[in-house]
């Protein structure tokens, strides 16, 4: 009898394992083919010198990595990415939380605001880049036209090395704030209404409810949103490339734009792969440090 029970358990476990393998195999294949293999192949390509056309790839070992470590353009691009990261956290996160809080308070009455505020996220980044490239034109753009209307001159935001990056970041924040707004609004929906009712009975106002109840309960979502924002900021490409191409000079050069121009414009595929791998390592390190720090602070509170 005991042997039959054991064999029945083994048969049931075997069937569970088979079902799990069947369902997990497509996901594992997807991860291997589209994530693991490209990463490994990029590291392999970073050890060669290749123009993307010649059938022969010259093995150069760690020469591309040695060049990368001393490349001032790459580290300038990394510093620009850090500026994008901190600016994104300071603007997108705060604005998104403010908008989500407003929508949570207004409920169904604020649905029109939800639709309007979410529209920028639905527009293609390339389309937004082209639109704002013309809107910020030094002679015929929006700010230049307003300046000339009041007797001023041209306003060159994208051509000024000290202002170009922040002009682009303003557009980036305008596009991506709605994403975090919806994320935080969804998190608000998980907070039981009874907590607000109990706080109101105890005499708490809206401000006290937000700081003492809502914000602590939203902390896991805020950490997730901050992580997504950090990773996105460190690998951002399309809108910046469309608006400025990394210029003027290297004022808006990011790691992704540098990698693209090195690989597909200059045709240095080996060194471009080294830049891409350097991006991968730096993004991973910054994301891990940030997540560890945020989770540690959350545990201490």
C-alpha atoms as a PDB file:
ATOM      1  CA  UNK A   1       0.000   0.000   0.000  1.00  0.00           C
ATOM      2  CA  UNK A   2       2.803   2.413   0.904  1.00  0.00           C
ATOM      3  CA  UNK A   3       4.593   1.621  -2.367  1.00  0.00           C
ATOM      4  CA  UNK A   4       1.459   2.424  -4.367  1.00  0.00           C
ATOM      5  CA  UNK A   5       1.066   5.779  -2.559  1.00  0.00           C
ATOM      6  CA  UNK A   6       4.705   6.661  -3.248  1.00  0.00           C
ATOM      7  CA  UNK A   7       4.409   5.660  -6.911  1.00  0.00           C
ATOM      8  CA  UNK A   8       1.206   7.733  -7.198  1.00  0.00           C
ATOM      9  CA  UNK A   9       3.002  10.767  -5.758  1.00  0.00           C
ATOM     10  CA  UNK A  10       5.915  10.211  -8.127  1.00  0.00           C
ATOM     11  CA  UNK A  11       3.588   9.919 -11.120  1.00  0.00           C
ATOM     12  CA  UNK A  12       1.772  13.104 -10.100  1.00  0.00           C
ATOM     13  CA  UNK A  13       5.067  14.963  -9.588  1.00  0.00           C
ATOM     14  CA  UNK A  14       6.293  13.690 -12.956  1.00  0.00           C
ATOM     15  CA  UNK A  15       3.180  14.973 -14.696  1.00  0.00           C
ATOM     16  CA  UNK A  16       3.570  18.357 -12.967  1.00  0.00           C
ATOM     17  CA  UNK A  17       7.196  18.537 -14.101  1.00  0.00           C
ATOM     18  CA  UNK A  18       6.215  17.717 -17.686  1.00  0.00           C
ATOM     19  CA  UNK A  19       3.519  20.406 -17.730  1.00  0.00           C
ATOM     20  CA  UNK A  20       5.935  22.943 -16.197  1.00  0.00           C
ATOM     21  CA  UNK A  21       8.588  22.082 -18.793  1.00  0.00           C
ATOM     22  CA  UNK A  22       6.089  22.455 -21.643  1.00  0.00           C
ATOM     23  CA  UNK A  23       4.966  25.889 -20.470  1.00  0.00           C
ATOM     24  CA  UNK A  24       8.447  27.140 -19.536  1.00  0.00           C
ATOM     25  CA  UNK A  25      10.281  25.988 -22.672  1.00  0.00           C
ATOM     26  CA  UNK A  26       8.969  28.796 -24.973  1.00  0.00           C
ATOM     27  CA  UNK A  27       9.858  31.453 -22.392  1.00  0.00           C
ATOM     28  CA  UNK A  28      13.320  29.979 -21.831  1.00  0.00           C
ATOM     29  CA  UNK A  29      13.959  29.783 -25.586  1.00  0.00           C
ATOM     30  CA  UNK A  30      12.839  33.400 -25.976  1.00  0.00           C
ATOM     31  CA  UNK A  31      15.204  34.556 -23.207  1.00  0.00           C
ATOM     32  CA  UNK A  32      18.120  32.564 -24.621  1.00  0.00           C
ATOM     33  CA  UNK A  33      17.636  33.621 -28.261  1.00  0.00           C
ATOM     34  CA  UNK A  34      16.720  37.281 -27.810  1.00  0.00           C
ATOM     35  CA  UNK A  35      18.514  38.241 -24.574  1.00  0.00           C
ATOM     36  CA  UNK A  36      21.291  35.846 -23.538  1.00  0.00           C
ATOM     37  CA  UNK A  37      22.693  35.184 -27.020  1.00  0.00           C
ATOM     38  CA  UNK A  38      22.897  38.880 -28.103  1.00  0.00           C
ATOM     39  CA  UNK A  39      24.652  39.787 -24.845  1.00  0.00           C
ATOM     40  CA  UNK A  40      27.212  36.998 -25.199  1.00  0.00           C
ATOM     41  CA  UNK A  41      27.706  37.763 -28.911  1.00  0.00           C
ATOM     42  CA  UNK A  42      28.264  41.467 -28.120  1.00  0.00           C
ATOM     43  CA  UNK A  43      31.011  40.597 -25.646  1.00  0.00           C
ATOM     44  CA  UNK A  44      32.607  38.314 -28.255  1.00  0.00           C
ATOM     45  CA  UNK A  45      32.378  41.019 -30.935  1.00  0.00           C
ATOM     46  CA  UNK A  46      34.005  43.529 -28.571  1.00  0.00           C
ATOM     47  CA  UNK A  47      37.247  41.544 -28.933  1.00  0.00           C
ATOM     48  CA  UNK A  48      37.492  42.038 -32.710  1.00  0.00           C
ATOM     49  CA  UNK A  49      38.021  44.854 -35.179  1.00  0.00           C
ATOM     50  CA  UNK A  50      35.381  44.757 -37.917  1.00  0.00           C
ATOM     51  CA  UNK A  51      33.688  47.198 -40.281  1.00  0.00           C
ATOM     52  CA  UNK A  52      30.489  45.182 -40.616  1.00  0.00           C
ATOM     53  CA  UNK A  53      31.146  44.245 -44.257  1.00  0.00           C
ATOM     54  CA  UNK A  54      34.513  42.511 -44.470  1.00  0.00           C
ATOM     55  CA  UNK A  55      34.104  38.710 -44.078  1.00  0.00           C
ATOM     56  CA  UNK A  56      37.269  38.612 -41.968  1.00  0.00           C
ATOM     57  CA  UNK A  57      37.197  39.864 -38.384  1.00  0.00           C
ATOM     58  CA  UNK A  58      40.553  40.781 -36.874  1.00  0.00           C
ATOM     59  CA  UNK A  59      40.936  39.577 -33.291  1.00  0.00           C
ATOM     60  CA  UNK A  60      42.349  42.372 -31.098  1.00  0.00           C
ATOM     61  CA  UNK A  61      41.728  40.937 -27.637  1.00  0.00           C
ATOM     62  CA  UNK A  62      41.049  43.591 -25.014  1.00  0.00           C
ATOM     63  CA  UNK A  63      42.282  46.495 -27.143  1.00  0.00           C
ATOM     64  CA  UNK A  64      38.748  47.853 -27.619  1.00  0.00           C
ATOM     65  CA  UNK A  65      38.156  47.695 -23.867  1.00  0.00           C
ATOM     66  CA  UNK A  66      41.427  49.474 -23.150  1.00  0.00           C
ATOM     67  CA  UNK A  67      40.415  52.199 -25.596  1.00  0.00           C
ATOM     68  CA  UNK A  68      36.976  52.405 -23.995  1.00  0.00           C
ATOM     69  CA  UNK A  69      38.395  52.957 -20.510  1.00  0.00           C
ATOM     70  CA  UNK A  70      40.358  55.952 -21.756  1.00  0.00           C
ATOM     71  CA  UNK A  71      37.654  57.316 -24.065  1.00  0.00           C
ATOM     72  CA  UNK A  72      36.625  60.755 -22.762  1.00  0.00           C
ATOM     73  CA  UNK A  73      33.614  60.794 -25.108  1.00  0.00           C
ATOM     74  CA  UNK A  74      32.212  57.637 -23.512  1.00  0.00           C
ATOM     75  CA  UNK A  75      32.590  58.910 -19.961  1.00  0.00           C
ATOM     76  CA  UNK A  76      31.107  62.275 -20.945  1.00  0.00           C
ATOM     77  CA  UNK A  77      28.160  60.382 -22.385  1.00  0.00           C
ATOM     78  CA  UNK A  78      27.889  58.406 -19.138  1.00  0.00           C
ATOM     79  CA  UNK A  79      27.855  61.642 -17.122  1.00  0.00           C
ATOM     80  CA  UNK A  80      25.097  62.956 -19.385  1.00  0.00           C
ATOM     81  CA  UNK A  81      23.161  59.751 -18.758  1.00  0.00           C
ATOM     82  CA  UNK A  82      23.531  60.301 -15.010  1.00  0.00           C
ATOM     83  CA  UNK A  83      22.129  63.826 -15.440  1.00  0.00           C
ATOM     84  CA  UNK A  84      19.204  62.331 -17.360  1.00  0.00           C
ATOM     85  CA  UNK A  85      18.717  59.777 -14.581  1.00  0.00           C
ATOM     86  CA  UNK A  86      18.637  62.267 -11.712  1.00  0.00           C
ATOM     87  CA  UNK A  87      16.507  64.722 -13.694  1.00  0.00           C
ATOM     88  CA  UNK A  88      14.033  61.952 -14.545  1.00  0.00           C
ATOM     89  CA  UNK A  89      13.743  60.852 -10.930  1.00  0.00           C
ATOM     90  CA  UNK A  90      13.315  64.438  -9.716  1.00  0.00           C
ATOM     91  CA  UNK A  91      10.744  65.502 -12.294  1.00  0.00           C
ATOM     92  CA  UNK A  92       8.879  62.505 -13.676  1.00  0.00           C
ATOM     93  CA  UNK A  93       8.447  60.771 -10.336  1.00  0.00           C
ATOM     94  CA  UNK A  94       7.292  63.874  -8.458  1.00  0.00           C
ATOM     95  CA  UNK A  95       4.995  65.131 -11.221  1.00  0.00           C
ATOM     96  CA  UNK A  96       3.534  61.669 -11.776  1.00  0.00           C
ATOM     97  CA  UNK A  97       2.795  61.283  -8.066  1.00  0.00           C
ATOM     98  CA  UNK A  98       1.126  64.719  -7.961  1.00  0.00           C
ATOM     99  CA  UNK A  99      -1.028  63.929 -10.998  1.00  0.00           C
ATOM    100  CA  UNK A 100      -1.921  60.460  -9.719  1.00  0.00           C
ATOM    101  CA  UNK A 101      -2.896  61.901  -6.322  1.00  0.00           C
ATOM    102  CA  UNK A 102      -5.108  64.498  -8.013  1.00  0.00           C
ATOM    103  CA  UNK A 103      -6.807  61.817 -10.136  1.00  0.00           C
ATOM    104  CA  UNK A 104      -7.283  59.579  -7.096  1.00  0.00           C
ATOM    105  CA  UNK A 105      -8.974  62.424  -5.212  1.00  0.00           C
ATOM    106  CA  UNK A 106     -11.213  63.489  -8.106  1.00  0.00           C
ATOM    107  CA  UNK A 107     -12.186  59.953  -9.077  1.00  0.00           C
ATOM    108  CA  UNK A 108     -14.515  59.723 -12.081  1.00  0.00           C
ATOM    109  CA  UNK A 109     -14.762  63.521 -12.263  1.00  0.00           C
ATOM    110  CA  UNK A 110     -11.127  63.684 -13.375  1.00  0.00           C
ATOM    111  CA  UNK A 111     -11.349  61.130 -16.188  1.00  0.00           C
ATOM    112  CA  UNK A 112     -10.959  63.847 -18.839  1.00  0.00           C
ATOM    113  CA  UNK A 113      -7.659  64.879 -17.227  1.00  0.00           C
ATOM    114  CA  UNK A 114      -6.525  61.251 -17.213  1.00  0.00           C
ATOM    115  CA  UNK A 115      -7.131  60.985 -20.961  1.00  0.00           C
ATOM    116  CA  UNK A 116      -5.473  64.311 -21.807  1.00  0.00           C
ATOM    117  CA  UNK A 117      -2.445  63.756 -19.571  1.00  0.00           C
ATOM    118  CA  UNK A 118      -1.869  60.253 -20.933  1.00  0.00           C
ATOM    119  CA  UNK A 119      -1.875  61.305 -24.603  1.00  0.00           C
ATOM    120  CA  UNK A 120       1.866  62.251 -24.794  1.00  0.00           C
ATOM    121  CA  UNK A 121       2.853  58.695 -23.897  1.00  0.00           C
ATOM    122  CA  UNK A 122       0.832  57.329 -26.830  1.00  0.00           C
ATOM    123  CA  UNK A 123       2.729  59.402 -29.394  1.00  0.00           C
ATOM    124  CA  UNK A 124       5.838  57.981 -31.072  1.00  0.00           C
ATOM    125  CA  UNK A 125       9.116  59.264 -29.636  1.00  0.00           C
ATOM    126  CA  UNK A 126      10.391  59.971 -33.139  1.00  0.00           C
ATOM    127  CA  UNK A 127       7.282  62.029 -33.946  1.00  0.00           C
ATOM    128  CA  UNK A 128       7.657  63.966 -30.684  1.00  0.00           C
ATOM    129  CA  UNK A 129      11.339  64.557 -31.410  1.00  0.00           C
ATOM    130  CA  UNK A 130      10.600  65.980 -34.866  1.00  0.00           C
ATOM    131  CA  UNK A 131       7.742  68.098 -33.501  1.00  0.00           C
ATOM    132  CA  UNK A 132       9.805  69.669 -30.721  1.00  0.00           C
ATOM    133  CA  UNK A 133      12.852  70.063 -32.962  1.00  0.00           C
ATOM    134  CA  UNK A 134      10.787  72.489 -35.014  1.00  0.00           C
ATOM    135  CA  UNK A 135       9.040  73.944 -31.942  1.00  0.00           C
ATOM    136  CA  UNK A 136      12.416  74.791 -30.381  1.00  0.00           C
ATOM    137  CA  UNK A 137      13.978  76.113 -33.575  1.00  0.00           C
ATOM    138  CA  UNK A 138      16.210  79.108 -32.870  1.00  0.00           C
ATOM    139  CA  UNK A 139      14.545  81.373 -35.449  1.00  0.00           C
ATOM    140  CA  UNK A 140      11.057  80.045 -36.136  1.00  0.00           C
ATOM    141  CA  UNK A 141      10.244  77.989 -33.038  1.00  0.00           C
ATOM    142  CA  UNK A 142       7.671  78.694 -30.325  1.00  0.00           C
ATOM    143  CA  UNK A 143       9.998  80.437 -27.884  1.00  0.00           C
ATOM    144  CA  UNK A 144      11.736  82.374 -30.671  1.00  0.00           C
ATOM    145  CA  UNK A 145       8.372  83.597 -31.990  1.00  0.00           C
ATOM    146  CA  UNK A 146       7.259  84.713 -28.529  1.00  0.00           C
ATOM    147  CA  UNK A 147      10.591  86.458 -27.988  1.00  0.00           C
ATOM    148  CA  UNK A 148      10.342  88.298 -31.315  1.00  0.00           C
ATOM    149  CA  UNK A 149       6.735  89.228 -30.537  1.00  0.00           C
ATOM    150  CA  UNK A 150       7.979  91.203 -27.542  1.00  0.00           C
ATOM    151  CA  UNK A 151      10.923  92.711 -29.402  1.00  0.00           C
ATOM    152  CA  UNK A 152      13.542  90.123 -28.514  1.00  0.00           C
ATOM    153  CA  UNK A 153      15.816  88.029 -30.687  1.00  0.00           C
ATOM    154  CA  UNK A 154      16.202  84.345 -31.457  1.00  0.00           C
ATOM    155  CA  UNK A 155      16.080  81.752 -28.673  1.00  0.00           C
ATOM    156  CA  UNK A 156      18.467  78.882 -29.325  1.00  0.00           C
ATOM    157  CA  UNK A 157      17.872  76.134 -26.776  1.00  0.00           C
ATOM    158  CA  UNK A 158      18.975  73.093 -28.770  1.00  0.00           C
ATOM    159  CA  UNK A 159      22.072  74.850 -30.115  1.00  0.00           C
ATOM    160  CA  UNK A 160      23.308  76.054 -26.736  1.00  0.00           C
ATOM    161  CA  UNK A 161      25.644  73.501 -25.081  1.00  0.00           C
ATOM    162  CA  UNK A 162      24.563  74.663 -21.605  1.00  0.00           C
ATOM    163  CA  UNK A 163      20.833  74.387 -22.292  1.00  0.00           C
ATOM    164  CA  UNK A 164      20.421  71.696 -24.942  1.00  0.00           C
ATOM    165  CA  UNK A 165      20.404  68.700 -22.585  1.00  0.00           C
ATOM    166  CA  UNK A 166      17.832  70.253 -20.247  1.00  0.00           C
ATOM    167  CA  UNK A 167      15.646  71.295 -23.196  1.00  0.00           C
ATOM    168  CA  UNK A 168      15.615  67.677 -24.367  1.00  0.00           C
ATOM    169  CA  UNK A 169      14.986  66.441 -20.819  1.00  0.00           C
ATOM    170  CA  UNK A 170      11.931  68.680 -20.565  1.00  0.00           C
ATOM    171  CA  UNK A 171      10.487  66.951 -23.621  1.00  0.00           C
ATOM    172  CA  UNK A 172      11.413  63.520 -22.241  1.00  0.00           C
ATOM    173  CA  UNK A 173       9.640  64.285 -18.961  1.00  0.00           C
ATOM    174  CA  UNK A 174       6.584  65.542 -20.838  1.00  0.00           C
ATOM    175  CA  UNK A 175       6.360  62.239 -22.709  1.00  0.00           C
ATOM    176  CA  UNK A 176       7.102  59.754 -19.917  1.00  0.00           C
ATOM    177  CA  UNK A 177       5.453  61.323 -16.864  1.00  0.00           C
ATOM    178  CA  UNK A 178       2.043  59.847 -17.894  1.00  0.00           C
ATOM    179  CA  UNK A 179       3.481  56.318 -17.695  1.00  0.00           C
ATOM    180  CA  UNK A 180       4.437  56.736 -14.042  1.00  0.00           C
ATOM    181  CA  UNK A 181       1.172  58.589 -13.389  1.00  0.00           C
ATOM    182  CA  UNK A 182      -0.801  55.502 -14.468  1.00  0.00           C
ATOM    183  CA  UNK A 183       1.553  53.261 -12.487  1.00  0.00           C
ATOM    184  CA  UNK A 184       0.989  55.213  -9.275  1.00  0.00           C
ATOM    185  CA  UNK A 185      -2.726  55.582  -9.957  1.00  0.00           C
ATOM    186  CA  UNK A 186      -3.021  51.805 -10.262  1.00  0.00           C
ATOM    187  CA  UNK A 187      -1.172  51.478  -6.951  1.00  0.00           C
ATOM    188  CA  UNK A 188      -3.645  53.904  -5.369  1.00  0.00           C
ATOM    189  CA  UNK A 189      -6.396  51.510  -6.429  1.00  0.00           C
ATOM    190  CA  UNK A 190      -4.924  48.773  -4.232  1.00  0.00           C
ATOM    191  CA  UNK A 191      -5.264  50.863  -1.056  1.00  0.00           C
ATOM    192  CA  UNK A 192      -8.468  49.886   0.783  1.00  0.00           C
ATOM    193  CA  UNK A 193     -11.042  52.662   1.027  1.00  0.00           C
ATOM    194  CA  UNK A 194     -11.575  51.709   4.670  1.00  0.00           C
ATOM    195  CA  UNK A 195      -8.163  53.156   5.535  1.00  0.00           C
ATOM    196  CA  UNK A 196      -9.190  56.594   4.268  1.00  0.00           C
ATOM    197  CA  UNK A 197     -12.519  56.377   6.061  1.00  0.00           C
ATOM    198  CA  UNK A 198     -10.821  55.360   9.321  1.00  0.00           C
ATOM    199  CA  UNK A 199      -8.277  58.186   8.969  1.00  0.00           C
ATOM    200  CA  UNK A 200     -11.078  60.693   8.324  1.00  0.00           C
ATOM    201  CA  UNK A 201     -12.935  59.524  11.421  1.00  0.00           C
ATOM    202  CA  UNK A 202      -9.742  59.992  13.444  1.00  0.00           C
ATOM    203  CA  UNK A 203      -9.546  63.578  12.165  1.00  0.00           C
ATOM    204  CA  UNK A 204      -6.732  63.221   9.615  1.00  0.00           C
ATOM    205  CA  UNK A 205      -6.799  65.654   6.686  1.00  0.00           C
ATOM    206  CA  UNK A 206      -5.768  64.891   3.100  1.00  0.00           C
ATOM    207  CA  UNK A 207      -2.161  65.915   3.648  1.00  0.00           C
ATOM    208  CA  UNK A 208      -1.781  63.741   6.742  1.00  0.00           C
ATOM    209  CA  UNK A 209      -3.447  60.808   4.995  1.00  0.00           C
ATOM    210  CA  UNK A 210      -1.051  61.109   2.057  1.00  0.00           C
ATOM    211  CA  UNK A 211       2.176  61.357   4.089  1.00  0.00           C
ATOM    212  CA  UNK A 212       1.301  58.916   6.874  1.00  0.00           C
ATOM    213  CA  UNK A 213      -0.781  56.278   5.059  1.00  0.00           C
ATOM    214  CA  UNK A 214      -0.758  56.497   1.258  1.00  0.00           C
ATOM    215  CA  UNK A 215       2.930  57.170   0.701  1.00  0.00           C
ATOM    216  CA  UNK A 216       4.211  54.282   2.890  1.00  0.00           C
ATOM    217  CA  UNK A 217       1.801  51.894   1.151  1.00  0.00           C
ATOM    218  CA  UNK A 218       2.929  53.165  -2.260  1.00  0.00           C
ATOM    219  CA  UNK A 219       6.623  52.693  -1.430  1.00  0.00           C
ATOM    220  CA  UNK A 220       7.028  49.324  -3.274  1.00  0.00           C
ATOM    221  CA  UNK A 221       5.485  50.818  -6.414  1.00  0.00           C
ATOM    222  CA  UNK A 222       7.651  53.920  -6.086  1.00  0.00           C
ATOM    223  CA  UNK A 223      10.759  51.731  -5.870  1.00  0.00           C
ATOM    224  CA  UNK A 224       9.659  49.795  -8.966  1.00  0.00           C
ATOM    225  CA  UNK A 225       8.949  53.046 -10.815  1.00  0.00           C
ATOM    226  CA  UNK A 226      12.319  54.495  -9.807  1.00  0.00           C
ATOM    227  CA  UNK A 227      14.087  51.348 -11.027  1.00  0.00           C
ATOM    228  CA  UNK A 228      12.328  51.495 -14.401  1.00  0.00           C
ATOM    229  CA  UNK A 229      13.127  55.213 -14.666  1.00  0.00           C
ATOM    230  CA  UNK A 230      16.825  54.665 -13.896  1.00  0.00           C
ATOM    231  CA  UNK A 231      17.222  51.852 -16.430  1.00  0.00           C
ATOM    232  CA  UNK A 232      15.318  53.822 -19.076  1.00  0.00           C
ATOM    233  CA  UNK A 233      17.391  56.957 -18.474  1.00  0.00           C
ATOM    234  CA  UNK A 234      20.678  55.081 -18.797  1.00  0.00           C
ATOM    235  CA  UNK A 235      19.742  53.522 -22.146  1.00  0.00           C
ATOM    236  CA  UNK A 236      17.721  56.377 -23.625  1.00  0.00           C
ATOM    237  CA  UNK A 237      18.232  56.975 -27.337  1.00  0.00           C
ATOM    238  CA  UNK A 238      15.499  57.778 -29.841  1.00  0.00           C
ATOM    239  CA  UNK A 239      14.155  61.204 -28.874  1.00  0.00           C
ATOM    240  CA  UNK A 240      17.618  62.591 -28.094  1.00  0.00           C
ATOM    241  CA  UNK A 241      19.041  61.340 -31.376  1.00  0.00           C
ATOM    242  CA  UNK A 242      16.149  62.821 -33.386  1.00  0.00           C
ATOM    243  CA  UNK A 243      16.275  66.222 -31.671  1.00  0.00           C
ATOM    244  CA  UNK A 244      20.017  66.850 -31.415  1.00  0.00           C
ATOM    245  CA  UNK A 245      21.945  63.819 -32.683  1.00  0.00           C
ATOM    246  CA  UNK A 246      24.055  64.109 -29.530  1.00  0.00           C
ATOM    247  CA  UNK A 247      25.053  67.715 -30.228  1.00  0.00           C
ATOM    248  CA  UNK A 248      25.919  70.478 -30.081  1.00  0.00           C
ATOM    249  CA  UNK A 249      29.369  68.974 -29.671  1.00  0.00           C
ATOM    250  CA  UNK A 250      28.853  66.309 -27.012  1.00  0.00           C
ATOM    251  CA  UNK A 251      26.402  68.323 -24.876  1.00  0.00           C
ATOM    252  CA  UNK A 252      23.563  65.805 -25.312  1.00  0.00           C
ATOM    253  CA  UNK A 253      25.646  62.758 -26.227  1.00  0.00           C
ATOM    254  CA  UNK A 254      24.404  59.661 -24.405  1.00  0.00           C
ATOM    255  CA  UNK A 255      25.916  56.204 -24.270  1.00  0.00           C
ATOM    256  CA  UNK A 256      23.282  54.849 -26.669  1.00  0.00           C
ATOM    257  CA  UNK A 257      23.760  57.632 -29.235  1.00  0.00           C
ATOM    258  CA  UNK A 258      27.539  57.225 -29.021  1.00  0.00           C
ATOM    259  CA  UNK A 259      27.186  53.484 -29.517  1.00  0.00           C
ATOM    260  CA  UNK A 260      24.906  53.960 -32.525  1.00  0.00           C
ATOM    261  CA  UNK A 261      27.166  56.492 -34.239  1.00  0.00           C
ATOM    262  CA  UNK A 262      30.306  54.459 -33.520  1.00  0.00           C
ATOM    263  CA  UNK A 263      28.762  51.265 -34.876  1.00  0.00           C
ATOM    264  CA  UNK A 264      26.531  52.295 -37.770  1.00  0.00           C
ATOM    265  CA  UNK A 265      27.950  55.668 -38.846  1.00  0.00           C
ATOM    266  CA  UNK A 266      31.689  55.184 -38.355  1.00  0.00           C
ATOM    267  CA  UNK A 267      31.417  51.405 -39.022  1.00  0.00           C
ATOM    268  CA  UNK A 268      33.550  50.425 -36.006  1.00  0.00           C
ATOM    269  CA  UNK A 269      31.499  47.390 -35.059  1.00  0.00           C
ATOM    270  CA  UNK A 270      34.036  45.933 -32.639  1.00  0.00           C
ATOM    271  CA  UNK A 271      34.465  49.137 -30.664  1.00  0.00           C
ATOM    272  CA  UNK A 272      30.718  49.806 -30.885  1.00  0.00           C
ATOM    273  CA  UNK A 273      30.138  46.413 -29.285  1.00  0.00           C
ATOM    274  CA  UNK A 274      32.568  47.376 -26.514  1.00  0.00           C
ATOM    275  CA  UNK A 275      30.564  50.571 -25.943  1.00  0.00           C
ATOM    276  CA  UNK A 276      27.340  48.534 -25.817  1.00  0.00           C
ATOM    277  CA  UNK A 277      28.881  46.086 -23.334  1.00  0.00           C
ATOM    278  CA  UNK A 278      30.164  48.990 -21.243  1.00  0.00           C
ATOM    279  CA  UNK A 279      26.601  50.353 -21.216  1.00  0.00           C
ATOM    280  CA  UNK A 280      25.309  46.962 -20.102  1.00  0.00           C
ATOM    281  CA  UNK A 281      27.785  46.739 -17.214  1.00  0.00           C
ATOM    282  CA  UNK A 282      27.234  50.316 -16.011  1.00  0.00           C
ATOM    283  CA  UNK A 283      23.434  50.098 -16.244  1.00  0.00           C
ATOM    284  CA  UNK A 284      23.446  46.823 -14.325  1.00  0.00           C
ATOM    285  CA  UNK A 285      25.703  48.205 -11.585  1.00  0.00           C
ATOM    286  CA  UNK A 286      23.757  51.456 -11.170  1.00  0.00           C
ATOM    287  CA  UNK A 287      20.409  49.618 -11.138  1.00  0.00           C
ATOM    288  CA  UNK A 288      21.625  47.058  -8.572  1.00  0.00           C
ATOM    289  CA  UNK A 289      23.081  49.738  -6.292  1.00  0.00           C
ATOM    290  CA  UNK A 290      19.925  51.843  -6.528  1.00  0.00           C
ATOM    291  CA  UNK A 291      17.549  48.956  -5.861  1.00  0.00           C
ATOM    292  CA  UNK A 292      19.670  47.772  -2.928  1.00  0.00           C
ATOM    293  CA  UNK A 293      19.779  51.280  -1.443  1.00  0.00           C
ATOM    294  CA  UNK A 294      16.034  51.888  -1.855  1.00  0.00           C
ATOM    295  CA  UNK A 295      15.091  48.492  -0.418  1.00  0.00           C
ATOM    296  CA  UNK A 296      17.457  48.961   2.514  1.00  0.00           C
ATOM    297  CA  UNK A 297      15.955  52.348   3.329  1.00  0.00           C
ATOM    298  CA  UNK A 298      12.467  50.895   3.015  1.00  0.00           C
ATOM    299  CA  UNK A 299      13.346  48.156   5.519  1.00  0.00           C
ATOM    300  CA  UNK A 300      14.734  50.713   7.971  1.00  0.00           C
ATOM    301  CA  UNK A 301      11.529  52.758   7.942  1.00  0.00           C
END
